[in-house]
Amino acid sequence: MAKVDIGLDAELVVEVTVLAGVGSTQDPVEALVRHHDARGHRTGARVRRRDETLRGTDGAPPLPEG
């Protein structure tokens, strides 16, 4: 896998490292990026399901009953 170097505020990196409870400053940053990427995929799947549900009807959201 290709590696990239990014510049981050040192205090922010130290804070994230302490909160993550790890010794390396790279590990929590990598975990955060992976989490953000996975979250984006989950959000995309939820939006896709909603769109498919609306396409199954006339495209308008259901009216409230009662």
C-alpha atoms as a PDB file:
ATOM      1  CA  MET A   1       0.000   0.000   0.000  1.00  0.00           C
ATOM      2  CA  ALA A   2       1.285   3.460  -0.854  1.00  0.00           C
ATOM      3  CA  LYS A   3       2.080   5.785   2.026  1.00  0.00           C
ATOM      4  CA  VAL A   4       1.547   9.540   2.218  1.00  0.00           C
ATOM      5  CA  ASP A   5       2.871  12.166   4.581  1.00  0.00           C
ATOM      6  CA  ILE A   6       0.462  14.770   5.895  1.00  0.00           C
ATOM      7  CA  GLY A   7       0.992  17.747   8.144  1.00  0.00           C
ATOM      8  CA  LEU A   8      -1.135  17.915  11.283  1.00  0.00           C
ATOM      9  CA  ASP A   9      -1.102  20.133  14.336  1.00  0.00           C
ATOM     10  CA  ALA A  10       1.210  18.420  16.846  1.00  0.00           C
ATOM     11  CA  GLU A  11      -1.069  19.128  19.820  1.00  0.00           C
ATOM     12  CA  LEU A  12      -4.018  17.570  18.002  1.00  0.00           C
ATOM     13  CA  VAL A  13      -2.013  14.445  17.181  1.00  0.00           C
ATOM     14  CA  VAL A  14      -0.836  14.098  20.783  1.00  0.00           C
ATOM     15  CA  GLU A  15      -4.393  14.538  22.074  1.00  0.00           C
ATOM     16  CA  VAL A  16      -5.747  11.880  19.702  1.00  0.00           C
ATOM     17  CA  THR A  17      -2.864   9.561  20.614  1.00  0.00           C
ATOM     18  CA  VAL A  18      -3.602   9.925  24.331  1.00  0.00           C
ATOM     19  CA  LEU A  19      -7.352   9.455  23.825  1.00  0.00           C
ATOM     20  CA  ALA A  20      -6.722   6.331  21.733  1.00  0.00           C
ATOM     21  CA  GLY A  21      -4.354   4.995  24.385  1.00  0.00           C
ATOM     22  CA  VAL A  22      -1.544   4.063  22.005  1.00  0.00           C
ATOM     23  CA  GLY A  23       2.139   4.912  21.881  1.00  0.00           C
ATOM     24  CA  SER A  24       2.541   5.619  18.177  1.00  0.00           C
ATOM     25  CA  THR A  25       1.189   8.870  16.772  1.00  0.00           C
ATOM     26  CA  GLN A  26       0.411   7.214  13.433  1.00  0.00           C
ATOM     27  CA  ASP A  27      -1.912   4.480  14.763  1.00  0.00           C
ATOM     28  CA  PRO A  28      -4.801   6.658  16.002  1.00  0.00           C
ATOM     29  CA  VAL A  29      -4.676   8.868  12.907  1.00  0.00           C
ATOM     30  CA  GLU A  30      -4.839   5.810  10.644  1.00  0.00           C
ATOM     31  CA  ALA A  31      -7.701   4.361  12.710  1.00  0.00           C
ATOM     32  CA  LEU A  32      -9.592   7.646  12.471  1.00  0.00           C
ATOM     33  CA  VAL A  33      -9.220   7.762   8.684  1.00  0.00           C
ATOM     34  CA  ARG A  34     -10.323   4.123   8.363  1.00  0.00           C
ATOM     35  CA  HIS A  35     -13.346   4.791  10.609  1.00  0.00           C
ATOM     36  CA  HIS A  36     -14.311   7.848   8.577  1.00  0.00           C
ATOM     37  CA  ASP A  37     -14.018   5.854   5.342  1.00  0.00           C
ATOM     38  CA  ALA A  38     -16.156   2.991   6.701  1.00  0.00           C
ATOM     39  CA  ARG A  39     -18.734   5.443   8.036  1.00  0.00           C
ATOM     40  CA  GLY A  40     -18.987   7.047   4.610  1.00  0.00           C
ATOM     41  CA  HIS A  41     -19.684   3.664   3.042  1.00  0.00           C
ATOM     42  CA  ARG A  42     -22.419   2.945   5.610  1.00  0.00           C
ATOM     43  CA  THR A  43     -23.985   6.363   4.999  1.00  0.00           C
ATOM     44  CA  GLY A  44     -23.932   5.729   1.259  1.00  0.00           C
ATOM     45  CA  ALA A  45     -25.680   2.391   1.740  1.00  0.00           C
ATOM     46  CA  ARG A  46     -28.390   3.988   3.896  1.00  0.00           C
ATOM     47  CA  VAL A  47     -29.023   6.726   1.335  1.00  0.00           C
ATOM     48  CA  ARG A  48     -29.110   4.151  -1.456  1.00  0.00           C
ATOM     49  CA  ARG A  49     -31.733   2.058   0.437  1.00  0.00           C
ATOM     50  CA  ARG A  50     -33.860   5.162   1.023  1.00  0.00           C
ATOM     51  CA  ASP A  51     -33.669   6.100  -2.652  1.00  0.00           C
ATOM     52  CA  GLU A  52     -34.639   2.576  -3.696  1.00  0.00           C
ATOM     53  CA  THR A  53     -37.614   2.664  -1.330  1.00  0.00           C
ATOM     54  CA  LEU A  54     -38.801   5.978  -2.769  1.00  0.00           C
ATOM     55  CA  ARG A  55     -38.367   4.675  -6.308  1.00  0.00           C
ATOM     56  CA  GLY A  56     -40.649   1.772  -5.394  1.00  0.00           C
ATOM     57  CA  THR A  57     -43.480   4.264  -4.832  1.00  0.00           C
ATOM     58  CA  ASP A  58     -44.448   7.298  -6.865  1.00  0.00           C
ATOM     59  CA  GLY A  59     -41.396   9.091  -5.493  1.00  0.00           C
ATOM     60  CA  ALA A  60     -43.311  11.138  -2.942  1.00  0.00           C
ATOM     61  CA  PRO A  61     -42.922  10.415   0.756  1.00  0.00           C
ATOM     62  CA  PRO A  62     -46.006   8.872   2.366  1.00  0.00           C
ATOM     63  CA  LEU A  63     -48.541  11.268   3.854  1.00  0.00           C
ATOM     64  CA  PRO A  64     -49.109  11.086   7.609  1.00  0.00           C
ATOM     65  CA  GLU A  65     -52.177   9.121   8.600  1.00  0.00           C
ATOM     66  CA  GLY A  66     -54.608  10.043  11.303  1.00  0.00           C
END
